Amino acid sequence: MDCHVHTSYSRDCGIKIADLLRLCPARGLDAVAITDHNTIRGALELREQAPFKVVIGEEINTLQGEIIGYFLQQEIPPGLSALATVQAIREQGGLVCVPHPFDRWRKSAICYEALTQIIGYVDIIEAYNARNVFNQDNKKAAGFASQQHKPISVGSDCHTTWEIGCSFVAIGDFSDAATFLGNLAYSRIKFTKSSIMVHCYTKLFKAKCAIGLPK
């Protein structure tokens, strides 16, 4: 399972729903979590069509940095505090995941003060993000998760088709948030770092979106 996947519903991503329908089975993925920026529309569309399992997620821009909600029933708006965001996730029975918490290059990473404030609400730490430029930032996230006794997730954070499934967790079958979280603690990980060049494509997709060109 790739735990961090974007679609073209994220303005910085070029992956279409049709791409995921074709490439996920081809790359051995039997589950994905769709975590578009501030929307669950892509996740809902894929779930309607996919023969594989789709977790409805959202990567939410809070006032203190990004937070992922898994197993969402409703979209959560951006611009809330980190604390209000995790409470909104919990209120609808979702799981709280902190993505790329120590990525030094990513301005959207949650600030440490907010992370410590919400840690009691956090279910999962994304310890390995394939788009993190520095391996040390992933190691720091893994160490933090261990200190806090939190299970870890792994994700490609894919915004281009060739990133899909480059990193994933081998997890037992799950039917809901509780069984997913329980099985995640016993999962195995496969992690491959993406090329730094993928960030150039993200900027290109975002620029095209800004001027109304197709991605």
Protein backbone atom coordinates (compact mmCIF):
# COMPACT_ATOMS: atom_id res chain seq x y z
CA MET A 1 0.00 0.00 0.00
CA ASP A 2 1.25 3.45 -0.94
CA CYS A 3 0.13 5.66 1.94
CA HIS A 4 0.67 9.06 0.30
CA VAL A 5 -0.68 9.49 -3.23
CA HIS A 6 -1.82 12.61 -5.07
CA THR A 7 -4.02 13.04 -8.13
CA SER A 8 -4.61 15.90 -10.55
CA TYR A 9 -7.13 17.25 -8.04
CA SER A 10 -3.97 18.59 -6.35
CA ARG A 11 -2.88 21.58 -8.43
CA ASP A 12 0.79 20.52 -8.28
CA CYS A 13 0.17 16.96 -9.52
CA GLY A 14 -0.13 15.52 -13.02
CA ILE A 15 -1.48 12.07 -12.13
CA LYS A 16 -4.93 11.39 -13.57
CA ILE A 17 -7.44 8.94 -12.13
CA ALA A 18 -6.99 6.80 -15.25
CA ASP A 19 -3.25 6.63 -14.55
CA LEU A 20 -3.86 5.20 -11.09
CA LEU A 21 -6.40 2.68 -12.37
CA ARG A 22 -3.79 1.43 -14.82
CA LEU A 23 -0.55 1.70 -12.85
CA CYS A 24 -1.48 0.65 -9.31
CA PRO A 25 -2.26 -2.98 -10.26
CA ALA A 26 0.70 -3.04 -12.65
CA ARG A 27 3.02 -2.07 -9.78
CA GLY A 28 1.58 -4.54 -7.31
CA LEU A 29 -0.40 -2.10 -5.20
CA ASP A 30 -3.63 -3.51 -3.81
CA ALA A 31 -4.38 -0.41 -1.75
CA VAL A 32 -3.62 3.31 -1.84
CA ALA A 33 -4.38 6.30 0.33
CA ILE A 34 -5.31 9.30 -1.78
CA THR A 35 -4.14 12.41 0.03
CA ASP A 36 -4.78 15.37 -2.24
CA HIS A 37 -4.17 18.88 -0.97
CA ASN A 38 -7.28 20.20 0.80
CA THR A 39 -9.78 18.00 -1.05
CA ILE A 40 -11.15 14.45 -1.05
CA ARG A 41 -12.72 14.66 -4.51
CA GLY A 42 -9.97 12.65 -6.20
CA ALA A 43 -10.14 9.96 -3.54
CA LEU A 44 -13.91 9.63 -3.92
CA GLU A 45 -13.69 9.45 -7.70
CA LEU A 46 -11.00 6.78 -7.62
CA ARG A 47 -12.87 4.70 -5.03
CA GLU A 48 -15.92 4.56 -7.31
CA GLN A 49 -13.87 3.01 -10.12
CA ALA A 50 -10.97 1.13 -8.57
CA PRO A 51 -10.80 -2.67 -8.23
CA PHE A 52 -8.31 -2.12 -5.38
CA LYS A 53 -8.78 -0.60 -1.93
CA VAL A 54 -8.83 3.20 -1.68
CA VAL A 55 -8.49 5.02 1.63
CA ILE A 56 -10.10 8.46 1.58
CA GLY A 57 -7.48 10.90 2.77
CA GLU A 58 -6.63 14.58 2.61
CA GLU A 59 -3.39 16.49 3.11
CA ILE A 60 -4.65 19.57 4.90
CA ASN A 61 -2.88 22.92 5.08
CA THR A 62 -3.20 24.10 8.66
CA LEU A 63 -1.90 27.37 10.07
CA GLN A 64 1.12 25.48 11.43
CA GLY A 65 1.81 23.09 8.55
CA GLU A 66 0.40 20.03 6.81
CA ILE A 67 -1.53 17.20 8.45
CA ILE A 68 -3.03 14.13 6.77
CA GLY A 69 -6.40 12.70 7.68
CA TYR A 70 -7.16 9.08 6.73
CA PHE A 71 -10.60 7.41 6.54
CA LEU A 72 -12.40 10.71 6.18
CA GLN A 73 -16.13 11.04 5.61
CA GLN A 74 -16.10 14.77 4.89
CA GLU A 75 -13.60 17.26 3.53
CA ILE A 76 -11.79 19.37 6.12
CA PRO A 77 -11.11 22.99 5.14
CA PRO A 78 -7.60 24.42 5.11
CA GLY A 79 -6.59 27.35 7.28
CA LEU A 80 -7.57 25.94 10.67
CA SER A 81 -5.10 25.56 13.50
CA ALA A 82 -3.27 22.25 13.73
CA LEU A 83 -5.20 21.43 16.89
CA ALA A 84 -8.59 22.22 15.35
CA THR A 85 -7.68 20.14 12.29
CA VAL A 86 -6.75 17.00 14.23
CA GLN A 87 -9.90 17.37 16.31
CA ALA A 88 -11.97 17.60 13.10
CA ILE A 89 -10.32 14.43 11.80
CA ARG A 90 -10.99 12.58 15.04
CA GLU A 91 -14.62 13.75 15.19
CA GLN A 92 -15.40 11.88 11.98
CA GLY A 93 -13.60 8.71 13.03
CA GLY A 94 -10.48 9.37 10.98
CA LEU A 95 -6.82 8.79 11.71
CA VAL A 96 -4.29 11.59 12.13
CA CYS A 97 -0.97 11.27 10.30
CA VAL A 98 1.85 13.81 10.28
CA PRO A 99 3.60 13.81 6.88
CA HIS A 100 7.29 14.61 6.38
CA PRO A 101 7.53 16.27 9.81
CA PHE A 102 11.24 17.09 9.68
CA ASP A 103 11.77 17.88 6.00
CA ARG A 104 14.04 20.91 6.21
CA TRP A 105 13.29 22.04 2.63
CA ARG A 106 9.53 21.86 2.80
CA LYS A 107 7.91 25.04 4.08
CA SER A 108 4.64 23.13 4.43
CA ALA A 109 6.06 20.75 7.07
CA ILE A 110 4.45 21.14 10.46
CA CYS A 111 6.39 23.28 12.93
CA TYR A 112 7.86 21.45 15.90
CA GLU A 113 5.92 23.47 18.47
CA ALA A 114 2.61 22.48 16.86
CA LEU A 115 3.73 18.86 16.53
CA THR A 116 4.40 18.63 20.26
CA GLN A 117 1.06 20.31 20.97
CA ILE A 118 -0.97 17.77 18.97
CA ILE A 119 1.11 14.64 19.56
CA GLY A 120 -1.52 13.16 21.86
CA TYR A 121 -3.99 13.19 18.94
CA VAL A 122 -1.54 11.79 16.39
CA ASP A 123 -2.04 8.18 15.30
CA ILE A 124 0.74 7.82 12.71
CA ILE A 125 4.04 9.47 11.82
CA GLU A 126 5.11 9.38 8.18
CA ALA A 127 8.67 8.26 8.83
CA TYR A 128 9.73 7.73 5.22
CA ASN A 129 8.67 10.14 2.48
CA ALA A 130 10.25 9.41 -0.89
CA ARG A 131 10.36 13.10 -1.78
CA ASN A 132 12.42 14.14 1.22
CA VAL A 133 15.74 15.32 -0.20
CA PHE A 134 17.84 14.41 2.85
CA ASN A 135 17.84 10.88 4.26
CA GLN A 136 18.57 12.32 7.69
CA ASP A 137 15.15 13.98 7.74
CA ASN A 138 13.45 10.60 7.29
CA LYS A 139 15.66 9.05 9.97
CA LYS A 140 14.76 11.86 12.35
CA ALA A 141 11.05 11.22 11.73
CA ALA A 142 11.51 7.49 12.35
CA GLY A 143 13.37 8.20 15.58
CA PHE A 144 10.69 10.61 16.74
CA ALA A 145 7.97 8.04 16.02
CA SER A 146 9.85 5.47 18.07
CA GLN A 147 10.27 7.88 20.98
CA GLN A 148 6.56 8.68 20.91
CA HIS A 149 5.53 5.02 20.43
CA LYS A 150 3.67 5.81 17.22
CA PRO A 151 3.37 3.47 14.22
CA ILE A 152 4.98 4.71 11.03
CA SER A 153 3.77 5.06 7.48
CA VAL A 154 5.69 5.14 4.21
CA GLY A 155 4.64 6.96 1.07
CA SER A 156 5.84 7.95 -2.34
CA ASP A 157 4.10 11.34 -2.06
CA CYS A 158 3.78 10.89 -5.81
CA HIS A 159 2.94 13.83 -8.05
CA THR A 160 4.16 12.16 -11.27
CA THR A 161 3.25 8.76 -12.67
CA TRP A 162 6.72 7.25 -12.35
CA GLU A 163 6.72 7.84 -8.58
CA ILE A 164 3.58 5.78 -7.93
CA GLY A 165 4.38 2.90 -5.60
CA CYS A 166 8.11 3.57 -5.35
CA SER A 167 7.73 3.32 -1.58
CA PHE A 168 5.05 1.37 0.24
CA VAL A 169 4.05 -0.69 3.28
CA ALA A 170 3.25 -4.39 3.09
CA ILE A 171 0.24 -4.42 5.41
CA GLY A 172 -2.31 -7.05 6.33
CA ASP A 173 -5.87 -6.76 5.09
CA PHE A 174 -7.97 -4.08 6.76
CA SER A 175 -11.61 -3.03 6.63
CA ASP A 176 -11.66 0.19 8.62
CA ALA A 177 -9.51 2.70 10.48
CA ALA A 178 -9.07 0.48 13.54
CA THR A 179 -7.86 -2.60 11.65
CA PHE A 180 -5.63 -0.45 9.44
CA LEU A 181 -3.96 1.13 12.46
CA GLY A 182 -3.58 -2.21 14.19
CA ASN A 183 -2.03 -3.88 11.15
CA LEU A 184 0.22 -0.91 10.39
CA ALA A 185 2.22 -1.60 13.54
CA TYR A 186 3.21 -5.00 12.11
CA SER A 187 3.74 -3.97 8.50
CA ARG A 188 6.96 -4.19 6.50
CA ILE A 189 8.28 -1.24 4.54
CA LYS A 190 9.91 -0.82 1.16
CA PHE A 191 11.48 2.59 0.69
CA THR A 192 13.08 4.05 -2.43
CA LYS A 193 13.95 7.73 -2.59
CA SER A 194 12.73 9.72 -5.57
CA SER A 195 15.03 11.83 -7.70
CA ILE A 196 15.32 15.45 -6.67
CA MET A 197 14.14 16.28 -10.20
CA VAL A 198 10.55 15.37 -9.33
CA HIS A 199 10.27 18.69 -7.51
CA CYS A 200 10.82 20.48 -10.82
CA TYR A 201 7.76 18.76 -12.27
CA THR A 202 5.72 19.79 -9.24
CA LYS A 203 6.61 23.43 -9.85
CA LEU A 204 5.77 23.02 -13.55
CA PHE A 205 2.34 21.52 -12.81
CA LYS A 206 1.62 24.33 -10.35
CA ALA A 207 2.64 27.00 -12.85
CA LYS A 208 0.46 25.47 -15.59
CA CYS A 209 -2.49 25.36 -13.23
CA ALA A 210 -1.98 29.01 -12.27
CA ILE A 211 -2.29 30.17 -15.89
CA GLY A 212 -5.03 27.75 -16.88
CA LEU A 213 -2.99 25.34 -18.99
CA PRO A 214 -3.68 21.57 -18.86
CA LYS A 215 -1.25 19.55 -16.79
